[in-house]
Amino acid sequence: MDVPTRLVLRRTAYDHPHVTAMVEQVQDEYRRIYQDEGDTSPTAPADFVAPRGYFVVGYAGGEPVAMGGWRRLEPGYGGPGRRPAEIKRMYVVPAGRGRGWSRVVLADLEHSARAASVDWLVLETGDQQPAALVLYRSAGYGPVPRFGHYAAYDDAVHLGKHLTGQPDGHPSTARQPTHGGANRVGS
C-alpha cells in the first residue's frame, strides 16, 4: 500500500468502525507477538468519551492509519498522580510505520490530557514491543509502579509521564512535546 506522508488527526468514538478494525489489527499483532489471546484488559467505548477520556484516529489519504486514546484512572489505582489517565490502543498500521505518526498521535494525546487537567499519563506495554518502548522512553516516559490489568505479568512494562510540571527527581519528565491539536497535521 502506498501511504501518503500527511497525517490528519480526528477525534473519533472508540466504537467507530475504523477504530474497531484497527483494534482487531493490533490484537492480531499482540496474539502473534505474545502467543496468547491478545490484550484482555477491559476497555469500553464510554472510557474514551469526554470528560472521562479521549480517542483520536489518524488519517492519511483518507484512510485510517493510526490511533490512540487515554482514559481517566481513579486516584489510588496504584501509580502516580491525583488526576491520572492511561494511554490505550496506540497503534500505527505496518505500512505507515517509520513516518513519525506515533509521535504525532502521542503529542496530541498529551496535549488533550493537559487540556483536561490530567496530571499524569501512564501506560502498560510489553517487553516484546521494542518500538513502543523506544517511542515512550524518548518522549520522556519513565518507570512507574506496576498497576492495572497487567500488574502481575513479568513481561509487562509500566511507564508514565508527569504532564503539569516536573516533580523533583522523577526521570519521566525529561522532555515535554510541543502541542499537537485535535486536527493537527503532521508528517
N, C-alpha and C. Protein backbone atom coordinates (compact mmCIF):
# COMPACT_ATOMS: atom_id res chain seq x y z
N MET A 1 0.85 -1.17 0.00
CA MET A 1 0.00 0.00 0.00
C MET A 1 0.89 1.23 0.00
N ASP A 2 0.65 2.16 -0.92
CA ASP A 2 1.38 3.42 -0.96
C ASP A 2 0.69 4.37 0.01
N VAL A 3 1.39 4.73 1.10
CA VAL A 3 0.80 5.55 2.15
C VAL A 3 1.30 6.98 2.02
N PRO A 4 0.38 7.97 1.93
CA PRO A 4 0.80 9.37 1.89
C PRO A 4 1.53 9.75 3.17
N THR A 5 2.29 10.85 3.13
CA THR A 5 3.06 11.26 4.30
C THR A 5 2.30 12.20 5.22
N ARG A 6 1.21 12.76 4.80
CA ARG A 6 0.46 13.71 5.61
C ARG A 6 -0.55 12.97 6.49
N LEU A 7 -0.55 13.29 7.78
CA LEU A 7 -1.44 12.65 8.75
C LEU A 7 -2.38 13.71 9.31
N VAL A 8 -3.69 13.43 9.26
CA VAL A 8 -4.70 14.32 9.82
C VAL A 8 -5.37 13.58 10.97
N LEU A 9 -5.37 14.19 12.15
CA LEU A 9 -5.99 13.57 13.32
C LEU A 9 -7.41 14.04 13.48
N ARG A 10 -8.30 13.08 13.80
CA ARG A 10 -9.71 13.40 14.05
C ARG A 10 -10.15 12.69 15.33
N ARG A 11 -10.76 13.45 16.21
CA ARG A 11 -11.34 12.83 17.41
C ARG A 11 -12.43 11.88 16.94
N THR A 12 -12.39 10.66 17.45
CA THR A 12 -13.27 9.60 16.96
C THR A 12 -13.77 8.76 18.12
N ALA A 13 -14.99 8.28 18.04
CA ALA A 13 -15.54 7.40 19.07
C ALA A 13 -14.81 6.05 19.03
N TYR A 14 -14.61 5.46 20.20
CA TYR A 14 -13.91 4.19 20.30
C TYR A 14 -14.66 3.06 19.58
N ASP A 15 -15.96 3.18 19.45
CA ASP A 15 -16.71 2.12 18.76
C ASP A 15 -16.95 2.43 17.28
N HIS A 16 -16.26 3.42 16.74
CA HIS A 16 -16.34 3.73 15.31
C HIS A 16 -15.76 2.55 14.51
N PRO A 17 -16.29 2.22 13.35
CA PRO A 17 -15.77 1.10 12.57
C PRO A 17 -14.27 1.19 12.24
N HIS A 18 -13.74 2.38 12.03
CA HIS A 18 -12.30 2.49 11.75
C HIS A 18 -11.48 2.09 12.97
N VAL A 19 -11.95 2.47 14.16
CA VAL A 19 -11.26 2.08 15.39
C VAL A 19 -11.38 0.58 15.60
N THR A 20 -12.58 0.06 15.44
CA THR A 20 -12.81 -1.37 15.63
C THR A 20 -11.89 -2.20 14.73
N ALA A 21 -11.74 -1.79 13.48
CA ALA A 21 -10.87 -2.52 12.55
C ALA A 21 -9.41 -2.45 12.98
N MET A 22 -8.95 -1.26 13.41
CA MET A 22 -7.55 -1.16 13.83
C MET A 22 -7.31 -1.87 15.17
N VAL A 23 -8.30 -1.87 16.07
CA VAL A 23 -8.16 -2.63 17.32
C VAL A 23 -7.97 -4.11 16.99
N GLU A 24 -8.72 -4.62 16.04
CA GLU A 24 -8.55 -6.02 15.65
C GLU A 24 -7.16 -6.26 15.07
N GLN A 25 -6.65 -5.31 14.29
CA GLN A 25 -5.29 -5.44 13.74
C GLN A 25 -4.24 -5.47 14.85
N VAL A 26 -4.37 -4.57 15.82
CA VAL A 26 -3.38 -4.55 16.90
C VAL A 26 -3.52 -5.80 17.77
N GLN A 27 -4.75 -6.28 17.96
CA GLN A 27 -4.93 -7.52 18.71
C GLN A 27 -4.27 -8.70 18.00
N ASP A 28 -4.41 -8.75 16.67
CA ASP A 28 -3.72 -9.80 15.90
C ASP A 28 -2.22 -9.72 16.12
N GLU A 29 -1.69 -8.50 16.14
CA GLU A 29 -0.26 -8.32 16.37
C GLU A 29 0.14 -8.80 17.77
N TYR A 30 -0.66 -8.46 18.79
CA TYR A 30 -0.38 -8.92 20.15
C TYR A 30 -0.43 -10.44 20.24
N ARG A 31 -1.43 -11.04 19.58
CA ARG A 31 -1.53 -12.51 19.61
C ARG A 31 -0.30 -13.15 18.97
N ARG A 32 0.19 -12.57 17.89
CA ARG A 32 1.38 -13.09 17.22
C ARG A 32 2.62 -12.91 18.10
N ILE A 33 2.80 -11.73 18.69
CA ILE A 33 3.99 -11.45 19.49
C ILE A 33 4.02 -12.30 20.76
N TYR A 34 2.90 -12.34 21.48
CA TYR A 34 2.88 -12.98 22.80
C TYR A 34 2.35 -14.41 22.80
N GLN A 35 1.90 -14.89 21.65
CA GLN A 35 1.37 -16.25 21.54
C GLN A 35 0.29 -16.52 22.59
N ASP A 36 -0.62 -15.55 22.74
CA ASP A 36 -1.74 -15.72 23.66
C ASP A 36 -2.98 -15.05 23.07
N GLU A 37 -3.95 -14.73 23.92
CA GLU A 37 -5.23 -14.21 23.44
C GLU A 37 -5.23 -12.72 23.11
N GLY A 38 -4.10 -12.05 23.23
CA GLY A 38 -4.04 -10.61 22.95
C GLY A 38 -4.25 -9.81 24.22
N ASP A 39 -4.53 -8.54 24.05
CA ASP A 39 -4.74 -7.65 25.20
C ASP A 39 -6.14 -7.88 25.74
N THR A 40 -6.21 -8.39 26.96
CA THR A 40 -7.50 -8.71 27.57
C THR A 40 -7.92 -7.67 28.61
N SER A 41 -7.21 -6.55 28.68
CA SER A 41 -7.61 -5.52 29.65
C SER A 41 -8.97 -4.95 29.24
N PRO A 42 -9.85 -4.79 30.21
CA PRO A 42 -11.19 -4.29 29.88
C PRO A 42 -11.16 -2.86 29.34
N THR A 43 -11.82 -2.66 28.23
CA THR A 43 -12.00 -1.32 27.66
C THR A 43 -13.44 -1.22 27.18
N ALA A 44 -13.96 -0.02 27.28
CA ALA A 44 -15.33 0.23 26.84
C ALA A 44 -15.37 1.57 26.11
N PRO A 45 -16.23 1.71 25.12
CA PRO A 45 -16.33 2.98 24.42
C PRO A 45 -16.52 4.18 25.35
N ALA A 46 -17.27 4.00 26.42
CA ALA A 46 -17.52 5.10 27.36
C ALA A 46 -16.24 5.58 28.05
N ASP A 47 -15.22 4.73 28.12
CA ASP A 47 -13.95 5.12 28.74
C ASP A 47 -13.31 6.30 28.03
N PHE A 48 -13.61 6.47 26.75
CA PHE A 48 -12.91 7.45 25.92
C PHE A 48 -13.79 8.64 25.52
N VAL A 49 -14.90 8.82 26.24
CA VAL A 49 -15.81 9.93 25.99
C VAL A 49 -15.52 11.02 27.02
N ALA A 50 -15.40 12.26 26.54
CA ALA A 50 -15.15 13.40 27.44
C ALA A 50 -16.27 13.47 28.48
N PRO A 51 -15.96 13.81 29.70
CA PRO A 51 -14.64 14.22 30.21
C PRO A 51 -13.79 13.07 30.73
N ARG A 52 -14.26 11.83 30.58
CA ARG A 52 -13.52 10.67 31.11
C ARG A 52 -12.36 10.25 30.22
N GLY A 53 -12.37 10.64 28.95
CA GLY A 53 -11.32 10.19 28.06
C GLY A 53 -11.33 10.90 26.73
N TYR A 54 -10.50 10.34 25.85
CA TYR A 54 -10.26 10.97 24.55
C TYR A 54 -9.74 9.89 23.62
N PHE A 55 -10.19 9.91 22.36
CA PHE A 55 -9.67 8.95 21.38
C PHE A 55 -9.54 9.66 20.04
N VAL A 56 -8.46 9.34 19.32
CA VAL A 56 -8.18 10.00 18.05
C VAL A 56 -7.76 8.96 17.02
N VAL A 57 -8.12 9.22 15.76
CA VAL A 57 -7.68 8.39 14.64
C VAL A 57 -6.91 9.29 13.69
N GLY A 58 -5.78 8.79 13.20
CA GLY A 58 -5.00 9.49 12.20
C GLY A 58 -5.33 8.96 10.82
N TYR A 59 -5.58 9.89 9.88
CA TYR A 59 -5.93 9.53 8.51
C TYR A 59 -4.85 10.03 7.56
N ALA A 60 -4.49 9.19 6.61
CA ALA A 60 -3.56 9.56 5.53
C ALA A 60 -4.24 9.18 4.23
N GLY A 61 -4.37 10.14 3.34
CA GLY A 61 -5.06 9.87 2.09
C GLY A 61 -6.48 9.39 2.30
N GLY A 62 -7.12 9.82 3.39
CA GLY A 62 -8.48 9.43 3.70
C GLY A 62 -8.62 8.07 4.37
N GLU A 63 -7.52 7.36 4.54
CA GLU A 63 -7.54 6.02 5.15
C GLU A 63 -7.10 6.08 6.61
N PRO A 64 -7.75 5.31 7.50
CA PRO A 64 -7.31 5.27 8.89
C PRO A 64 -5.99 4.50 9.00
N VAL A 65 -4.98 5.15 9.58
CA VAL A 65 -3.65 4.53 9.64
C VAL A 65 -3.01 4.58 11.02
N ALA A 66 -3.60 5.30 11.96
CA ALA A 66 -3.02 5.41 13.30
C ALA A 66 -4.14 5.71 14.29
N MET A 67 -3.90 5.38 15.56
CA MET A 67 -4.91 5.67 16.58
C MET A 67 -4.27 5.70 17.95
N GLY A 68 -5.01 6.22 18.90
CA GLY A 68 -4.60 6.20 20.29
C GLY A 68 -5.61 6.95 21.13
N GLY A 69 -5.61 6.66 22.42
CA GLY A 69 -6.52 7.34 23.32
C GLY A 69 -6.02 7.31 24.74
N TRP A 70 -6.74 8.00 25.59
CA TRP A 70 -6.48 7.93 27.03
C TRP A 70 -7.82 7.88 27.75
N ARG A 71 -7.77 7.27 28.93
CA ARG A 71 -8.95 7.20 29.79
C ARG A 71 -8.51 7.51 31.22
N ARG A 72 -9.35 8.21 31.94
CA ARG A 72 -9.03 8.57 33.31
C ARG A 72 -8.97 7.34 34.20
N LEU A 73 -8.10 7.41 35.18
CA LEU A 73 -8.00 6.39 36.22
C LEU A 73 -8.40 7.02 37.54
N GLU A 74 -8.88 6.22 38.44
CA GLU A 74 -9.24 6.73 39.76
C GLU A 74 -7.97 6.89 40.59
N PRO A 75 -7.89 7.97 41.39
CA PRO A 75 -6.76 8.06 42.32
C PRO A 75 -6.74 6.80 43.18
N GLY A 76 -5.56 6.34 43.51
CA GLY A 76 -5.45 5.11 44.27
C GLY A 76 -5.33 3.88 43.39
N TYR A 77 -5.20 4.05 42.08
CA TYR A 77 -5.08 2.92 41.15
C TYR A 77 -3.76 2.19 41.31
N GLY A 78 -2.80 2.80 42.03
CA GLY A 78 -1.52 2.15 42.27
C GLY A 78 -0.33 2.89 41.70
N GLY A 79 -0.56 3.92 40.91
CA GLY A 79 0.53 4.68 40.31
C GLY A 79 0.47 6.14 40.73
N PRO A 80 1.27 6.97 40.07
CA PRO A 80 1.35 8.38 40.46
C PRO A 80 0.15 9.21 39.98
N GLY A 81 0.00 10.37 40.59
CA GLY A 81 -0.96 11.35 40.11
C GLY A 81 -2.22 11.45 40.93
N ARG A 82 -2.74 12.68 40.98
CA ARG A 82 -4.05 12.92 41.59
C ARG A 82 -5.14 12.93 40.53
N ARG A 83 -4.76 13.19 39.26
CA ARG A 83 -5.70 13.20 38.14
C ARG A 83 -5.09 12.41 36.98
N PRO A 84 -4.84 11.11 37.19
CA PRO A 84 -4.14 10.30 36.19
C PRO A 84 -5.05 9.82 35.07
N ALA A 85 -4.40 9.49 33.96
CA ALA A 85 -5.10 8.85 32.84
C ALA A 85 -4.15 7.82 32.24
N GLU A 86 -4.73 6.84 31.58
CA GLU A 86 -3.97 5.73 30.98
C GLU A 86 -4.07 5.79 29.47
N ILE A 87 -2.93 5.71 28.80
CA ILE A 87 -2.90 5.62 27.34
C ILE A 87 -3.30 4.21 26.94
N LYS A 88 -4.16 4.12 25.95
CA LYS A 88 -4.61 2.82 25.44
C LYS A 88 -4.65 2.85 23.91
N ARG A 89 -4.42 1.70 23.32
CA ARG A 89 -4.62 1.43 21.90
C ARG A 89 -3.81 2.32 20.96
N MET A 90 -2.58 2.67 21.37
CA MET A 90 -1.68 3.36 20.45
C MET A 90 -1.30 2.35 19.36
N TYR A 91 -1.48 2.75 18.10
CA TYR A 91 -1.20 1.82 17.00
C TYR A 91 -1.04 2.59 15.71
N VAL A 92 -0.09 2.14 14.91
CA VAL A 92 0.09 2.62 13.53
C VAL A 92 0.13 1.38 12.65
N VAL A 93 -0.63 1.41 11.54
CA VAL A 93 -0.64 0.26 10.63
C VAL A 93 0.78 0.02 10.12
N PRO A 94 1.14 -1.24 9.84
CA PRO A 94 2.50 -1.55 9.42
C PRO A 94 3.00 -0.70 8.24
N ALA A 95 2.16 -0.45 7.24
CA ALA A 95 2.60 0.32 6.06
C ALA A 95 2.88 1.79 6.40
N GLY A 96 2.41 2.25 7.56
CA GLY A 96 2.61 3.64 7.95
C GLY A 96 3.71 3.86 8.96
N ARG A 97 4.39 2.80 9.36
CA ARG A 97 5.41 2.94 10.39
C ARG A 97 6.68 3.59 9.85
N GLY A 98 7.43 4.22 10.75
CA GLY A 98 8.66 4.87 10.37
C GLY A 98 8.47 6.27 9.82
N ARG A 99 7.28 6.82 9.95
CA ARG A 99 6.96 8.15 9.42
C ARG A 99 6.78 9.20 10.52
N GLY A 100 6.93 8.78 11.79
CA GLY A 100 6.76 9.70 12.90
C GLY A 100 5.32 9.88 13.34
N TRP A 101 4.41 9.08 12.80
CA TRP A 101 3.00 9.25 13.11
C TRP A 101 2.68 8.90 14.56
N SER A 102 3.37 7.91 15.13
CA SER A 102 3.10 7.59 16.53
C SER A 102 3.46 8.78 17.42
N ARG A 103 4.49 9.52 17.07
CA ARG A 103 4.85 10.72 17.84
C ARG A 103 3.80 11.81 17.71
N VAL A 104 3.21 11.94 16.52
CA VAL A 104 2.14 12.92 16.31
C VAL A 104 0.94 12.55 17.18
N VAL A 105 0.55 11.28 17.16
CA VAL A 105 -0.59 10.83 17.97
C VAL A 105 -0.27 11.02 19.45
N LEU A 106 0.91 10.62 19.90
CA LEU A 106 1.27 10.75 21.31
C LEU A 106 1.26 12.22 21.74
N ALA A 107 1.80 13.11 20.93
CA ALA A 107 1.80 14.53 21.26
C ALA A 107 0.37 15.05 21.39
N ASP A 108 -0.52 14.60 20.53
CA ASP A 108 -1.92 15.01 20.61
C ASP A 108 -2.58 14.48 21.88
N LEU A 109 -2.29 13.23 22.23
CA LEU A 109 -2.85 12.67 23.46
C LEU A 109 -2.37 13.47 24.67
N GLU A 110 -1.08 13.80 24.70
CA GLU A 110 -0.55 14.58 25.81
C GLU A 110 -1.20 15.96 25.87
N HIS A 111 -1.33 16.61 24.73
CA HIS A 111 -1.95 17.93 24.69
C HIS A 111 -3.39 17.88 25.19
N SER A 112 -4.16 16.93 24.70
CA SER A 112 -5.57 16.84 25.10
C SER A 112 -5.70 16.48 26.58
N ALA A 113 -4.79 15.65 27.08
CA ALA A 113 -4.82 15.28 28.50
C ALA A 113 -4.49 16.51 29.37
N ARG A 114 -3.48 17.27 28.98
CA ARG A 114 -3.17 18.50 29.72
C ARG A 114 -4.38 19.44 29.74
N ALA A 115 -5.03 19.60 28.59
CA ALA A 115 -6.19 20.48 28.49
C ALA A 115 -7.33 19.99 29.38
N ALA A 116 -7.38 18.71 29.66
CA ALA A 116 -8.41 18.12 30.52
C ALA A 116 -7.96 18.03 31.97
N SER A 117 -6.83 18.67 32.30
CA SER A 117 -6.28 18.72 33.67
C SER A 117 -5.77 17.38 34.17
N VAL A 118 -5.40 16.49 33.27
CA VAL A 118 -4.74 15.25 33.68
C VAL A 118 -3.33 15.61 34.12
N ASP A 119 -2.88 15.06 35.26
CA ASP A 119 -1.53 15.39 35.72
C ASP A 119 -0.50 14.32 35.39
N TRP A 120 -0.92 13.09 35.19
CA TRP A 120 -0.01 12.01 34.80
C TRP A 120 -0.65 11.18 33.70
N LEU A 121 0.13 10.83 32.69
CA LEU A 121 -0.26 9.80 31.73
C LEU A 121 0.58 8.58 32.03
N VAL A 122 -0.07 7.44 32.16
CA VAL A 122 0.62 6.18 32.42
C VAL A 122 0.19 5.18 31.36
N LEU A 123 0.95 4.11 31.26
CA LEU A 123 0.61 3.08 30.27
C LEU A 123 1.23 1.76 30.65
N GLU A 124 0.66 0.72 30.08
CA GLU A 124 1.22 -0.62 30.16
C GLU A 124 1.57 -1.03 28.73
N THR A 125 2.79 -1.51 28.54
CA THR A 125 3.18 -2.08 27.26
C THR A 125 3.93 -3.36 27.58
N GLY A 126 4.50 -3.98 26.56
CA GLY A 126 5.17 -5.25 26.79
C GLY A 126 6.64 -5.21 26.41
N ASP A 127 7.41 -6.07 27.05
CA ASP A 127 8.85 -6.09 26.78
C ASP A 127 9.18 -6.65 25.40
N GLN A 128 8.19 -7.19 24.68
CA GLN A 128 8.40 -7.68 23.33
C GLN A 128 7.98 -6.65 22.27
N GLN A 129 7.82 -5.40 22.70
CA GLN A 129 7.43 -4.32 21.79
C GLN A 129 8.51 -3.23 21.83
N PRO A 130 9.67 -3.50 21.25
CA PRO A 130 10.78 -2.55 21.36
C PRO A 130 10.50 -1.19 20.75
N ALA A 131 9.76 -1.11 19.66
CA ALA A 131 9.47 0.20 19.06
C ALA A 131 8.62 1.05 20.01
N ALA A 132 7.67 0.43 20.69
CA ALA A 132 6.85 1.16 21.66
C ALA A 132 7.70 1.66 22.82
N LEU A 133 8.59 0.81 23.30
CA LEU A 133 9.46 1.22 24.41
C LEU A 133 10.35 2.39 24.01
N VAL A 134 10.91 2.34 22.81
CA VAL A 134 11.76 3.44 22.33
C VAL A 134 10.93 4.72 22.21
N LEU A 135 9.74 4.63 21.64
CA LEU A 135 8.87 5.80 21.49
C LEU A 135 8.61 6.44 22.84
N TYR A 136 8.10 5.67 23.78
CA TYR A 136 7.70 6.25 25.07
C TYR A 136 8.89 6.78 25.85
N ARG A 137 9.96 6.02 25.89
CA ARG A 137 11.13 6.49 26.65
C ARG A 137 11.72 7.74 26.02
N SER A 138 11.76 7.81 24.71
CA SER A 138 12.32 9.01 24.06
C SER A 138 11.40 10.22 24.21
N ALA A 139 10.12 9.98 24.53
CA ALA A 139 9.18 11.07 24.77
C ALA A 139 9.11 11.45 26.24
N GLY A 140 9.99 10.89 27.06
CA GLY A 140 10.06 11.28 28.46
C GLY A 140 9.30 10.40 29.43
N TYR A 141 8.81 9.26 29.01
CA TYR A 141 8.12 8.34 29.91
C TYR A 141 9.16 7.49 30.64
N GLY A 142 8.95 7.33 31.93
CA GLY A 142 9.85 6.55 32.75
C GLY A 142 9.09 5.55 33.59
N PRO A 143 9.81 4.71 34.33
CA PRO A 143 9.16 3.67 35.14
C PRO A 143 8.21 4.25 36.19
N VAL A 144 7.10 3.58 36.36
CA VAL A 144 6.14 3.90 37.42
C VAL A 144 5.79 2.58 38.11
N PRO A 145 5.20 2.65 39.31
CA PRO A 145 4.79 1.39 39.97
C PRO A 145 3.84 0.60 39.08
N ARG A 146 3.93 -0.70 39.20
CA ARG A 146 3.07 -1.59 38.43
C ARG A 146 1.61 -1.34 38.83
N PHE A 147 0.72 -1.35 37.86
CA PHE A 147 -0.69 -1.07 38.12
C PHE A 147 -1.54 -1.82 37.09
N GLY A 148 -2.81 -1.84 37.33
CA GLY A 148 -3.76 -2.27 36.33
C GLY A 148 -3.79 -3.75 36.02
N HIS A 149 -4.37 -4.03 34.89
CA HIS A 149 -4.64 -5.40 34.45
C HIS A 149 -3.39 -6.27 34.36
N TYR A 150 -2.26 -5.67 33.97
CA TYR A 150 -1.04 -6.45 33.77
C TYR A 150 -0.01 -6.26 34.88
N ALA A 151 -0.44 -5.82 36.06
CA ALA A 151 0.49 -5.57 37.17
C ALA A 151 1.29 -6.82 37.55
N ALA A 152 0.71 -7.98 37.43
CA ALA A 152 1.38 -9.21 37.86
C ALA A 152 2.10 -9.94 36.72
N TYR A 153 2.09 -9.38 35.52
CA TYR A 153 2.73 -10.03 34.38
C TYR A 153 4.20 -9.64 34.31
N ASP A 154 5.08 -10.64 34.25
CA ASP A 154 6.51 -10.37 34.20
C ASP A 154 6.94 -9.63 32.94
N ASP A 155 6.24 -9.84 31.84
CA ASP A 155 6.64 -9.20 30.58
C ASP A 155 6.00 -7.82 30.37
N ALA A 156 5.23 -7.34 31.35
CA ALA A 156 4.61 -6.01 31.26
C ALA A 156 5.60 -4.94 31.69
N VAL A 157 5.57 -3.81 30.99
CA VAL A 157 6.39 -2.66 31.31
C VAL A 157 5.44 -1.50 31.60
N HIS A 158 5.60 -0.88 32.76
CA HIS A 158 4.73 0.21 33.20
C HIS A 158 5.51 1.51 33.17
N LEU A 159 5.00 2.48 32.40
CA LEU A 159 5.68 3.76 32.21
C LEU A 159 4.70 4.89 32.47
N GLY A 160 5.24 6.07 32.76
CA GLY A 160 4.40 7.23 32.97
C GLY A 160 5.16 8.52 32.77
N LYS A 161 4.39 9.59 32.67
CA LYS A 161 4.96 10.92 32.46
C LYS A 161 4.11 11.95 33.19
N HIS A 162 4.76 12.82 33.95
CA HIS A 162 4.07 13.92 34.61
C HIS A 162 3.83 15.02 33.59
N LEU A 163 2.61 15.52 33.51
CA LEU A 163 2.24 16.47 32.46
C LEU A 163 2.21 17.92 32.89
N THR A 164 2.02 18.21 34.15
CA THR A 164 1.75 19.60 34.54
C THR A 164 2.94 20.28 35.20
N GLY A 165 4.06 19.66 35.24
CA GLY A 165 5.23 20.23 35.88
C GLY A 165 6.25 19.14 36.07
N GLN A 166 7.33 19.48 36.66
CA GLN A 166 8.40 18.49 36.83
C GLN A 166 8.62 18.23 38.30
N PRO A 167 8.13 17.07 38.79
CA PRO A 167 8.39 16.75 40.19
C PRO A 167 9.88 16.49 40.38
N ASP A 168 10.36 16.84 41.52
CA ASP A 168 11.80 16.70 41.80
C ASP A 168 12.28 15.28 41.58
N GLY A 169 13.28 15.15 40.73
CA GLY A 169 13.99 13.90 40.57
C GLY A 169 13.28 12.80 39.80
N HIS A 170 12.11 13.04 39.24
CA HIS A 170 11.44 11.95 38.52
C HIS A 170 11.96 11.89 37.09
N PRO A 171 12.42 10.71 36.64
CA PRO A 171 13.05 10.61 35.32
C PRO A 171 12.09 10.74 34.15
N SER A 172 10.80 10.67 34.38
CA SER A 172 9.88 10.64 33.25
C SER A 172 9.50 12.02 32.74
N THR A 173 10.14 13.06 33.21
CA THR A 173 9.77 14.39 32.78
C THR A 173 10.87 15.07 31.98
N ALA A 174 11.74 14.30 31.40
CA ALA A 174 12.90 14.87 30.71
C ALA A 174 12.52 15.74 29.52
N ARG A 175 11.48 15.37 28.77
CA ARG A 175 11.10 16.15 27.59
C ARG A 175 9.60 16.35 27.56
N GLN A 176 9.19 17.53 27.22
CA GLN A 176 7.78 17.83 27.03
C GLN A 176 7.59 18.13 25.54
N PRO A 177 6.68 17.44 24.84
CA PRO A 177 6.49 17.68 23.41
C PRO A 177 5.76 18.98 23.15
N THR A 178 5.82 19.41 21.92
CA THR A 178 5.06 20.58 21.51
C THR A 178 3.61 20.19 21.28
N HIS A 179 2.75 21.18 21.18
CA HIS A 179 1.31 20.97 21.02
C HIS A 179 0.99 20.22 19.73
N GLY A 180 0.08 19.26 19.85
CA GLY A 180 -0.45 18.56 18.69
C GLY A 180 -1.95 18.55 18.78
N GLY A 181 -2.63 19.55 18.30
CA GLY A 181 -4.05 19.75 18.49
C GLY A 181 -4.92 18.74 17.78
N ALA A 182 -6.22 18.74 18.08
CA ALA A 182 -7.18 17.77 17.54
C ALA A 182 -7.30 17.88 16.05
N ASN A 183 -6.98 17.99 15.16
CA ASN A 183 -6.95 18.07 13.72
C ASN A 183 -5.55 18.45 13.29
N ARG A 184 -4.60 18.18 14.10
CA ARG A 184 -3.22 18.50 13.78
C ARG A 184 -2.78 17.73 12.54
N VAL A 185 -2.00 18.38 11.75
CA VAL A 185 -1.47 17.74 10.57
C VAL A 185 0.02 17.58 10.80
N GLY A 186 0.53 16.39 10.58
CA GLY A 186 1.96 16.14 10.78
C GLY A 186 2.50 15.28 9.68
N SER A 187 3.79 15.05 9.71
CA SER A 187 4.38 14.16 8.72
C SER A 187 5.35 13.25 9.38
